[in-house]
Protein backbone atom coordinates (compact mmCIF):
# COMPACT_ATOMS: atom_id res chain seq x y z
CA UNK A 1 -112.15 40.23 -230.68
CA UNK A 2 -114.71 37.74 -231.90
CA UNK A 3 -114.10 34.22 -230.76
CA UNK A 4 -115.40 32.87 -234.05
CA UNK A 5 -112.21 34.06 -235.70
CA UNK A 6 -109.81 32.22 -233.37
CA UNK A 7 -109.33 29.26 -235.79
CA UNK A 8 -108.39 31.69 -238.57
CA UNK A 9 -105.91 33.50 -236.22
CA UNK A 10 -104.40 30.09 -235.30
CA UNK A 11 -103.96 29.13 -238.93
CA UNK A 12 -102.44 32.52 -239.71
CA UNK A 13 -99.98 32.15 -236.86
CA UNK A 14 -98.90 28.66 -237.96
CA UNK A 15 -98.47 29.77 -241.57
CA UNK A 16 -96.53 32.86 -240.46
CA UNK A 17 -94.26 30.74 -238.23
CA UNK A 18 -93.61 28.29 -241.03
CA UNK A 19 -92.78 31.14 -243.42
CA UNK A 20 -90.44 32.70 -240.84
CA UNK A 21 -88.59 29.40 -240.33
CA UNK A 22 -88.41 28.92 -244.12
CA UNK A 23 -86.95 32.41 -244.49
CA UNK A 24 -84.17 31.56 -241.97
CA UNK A 25 -85.47 32.85 -238.66
CA UNK A 26 -84.27 30.78 -235.73
CA UNK A 27 -86.94 28.65 -234.02
CA UNK A 28 -85.80 29.89 -230.63
CA UNK A 29 -86.94 33.42 -231.59
CA UNK A 30 -90.38 32.06 -232.37
CA UNK A 31 -90.62 30.60 -228.85
CA UNK A 32 -89.63 34.05 -227.56
CA UNK A 33 -92.52 35.58 -229.42
CA UNK A 34 -95.02 32.93 -228.23
CA UNK A 35 -95.18 34.42 -224.74
CA UNK A 36 -96.53 37.85 -225.67
CA UNK A 37 -98.91 36.31 -228.21
CA UNK A 38 -100.36 33.92 -225.63
CA UNK A 39 -100.76 36.79 -223.15
CA UNK A 40 -102.62 38.82 -225.80
CA UNK A 41 -105.08 36.02 -226.45
CA UNK A 42 -105.54 35.28 -222.74
CA UNK A 43 -106.29 38.91 -221.90
CA UNK A 44 -108.77 39.19 -224.78
CA UNK A 45 -110.43 35.98 -223.61
CA UNK A 46 -111.04 37.44 -220.17
CA UNK A 47 -113.60 39.78 -221.62
CA UNK A 48 -114.51 43.20 -220.25
CA UNK A 49 -113.55 42.64 -216.63
CA UNK A 50 -111.99 46.09 -216.43
CA UNK A 51 -115.14 47.81 -217.64
CA UNK A 52 -117.16 47.12 -214.47
CA UNK A 53 -117.94 49.99 -212.12
CA UNK A 54 -116.74 49.79 -208.50
CA UNK A 55 -119.20 48.22 -206.09
CA UNK A 56 -121.15 50.76 -203.92
CA UNK A 57 -120.10 50.84 -200.26
CA UNK A 58 -121.88 48.43 -198.00
CA UNK A 59 -123.94 49.63 -195.12
CA UNK A 60 -123.66 47.97 -191.70
CA UNK A 61 -126.32 45.36 -191.07
CA UNK A 62 -126.79 46.42 -187.42
CA UNK A 63 -128.72 49.62 -186.93
CA UNK A 64 -127.06 52.30 -184.85
CA UNK A 65 -129.17 53.91 -182.09
CA UNK A 66 -130.29 57.42 -182.99
CA UNK A 67 -129.15 60.25 -180.82
CA UNK A 68 -131.70 62.86 -179.71
């Protein structure tokens, strides 16, 4: 999701909410829908954190003596 489009998404949400209230939807239901919408935008705003590869295993900093 491109962050340049966030203002347009915000306007669309406000207009959609106004139309829903005008059509007779209870305002409490809009508050109920706000939670998943906020979660969606927060997860998109985090970026690709889940795309990173696991870190390679670390090696001990102290060398072990070699056995002959």
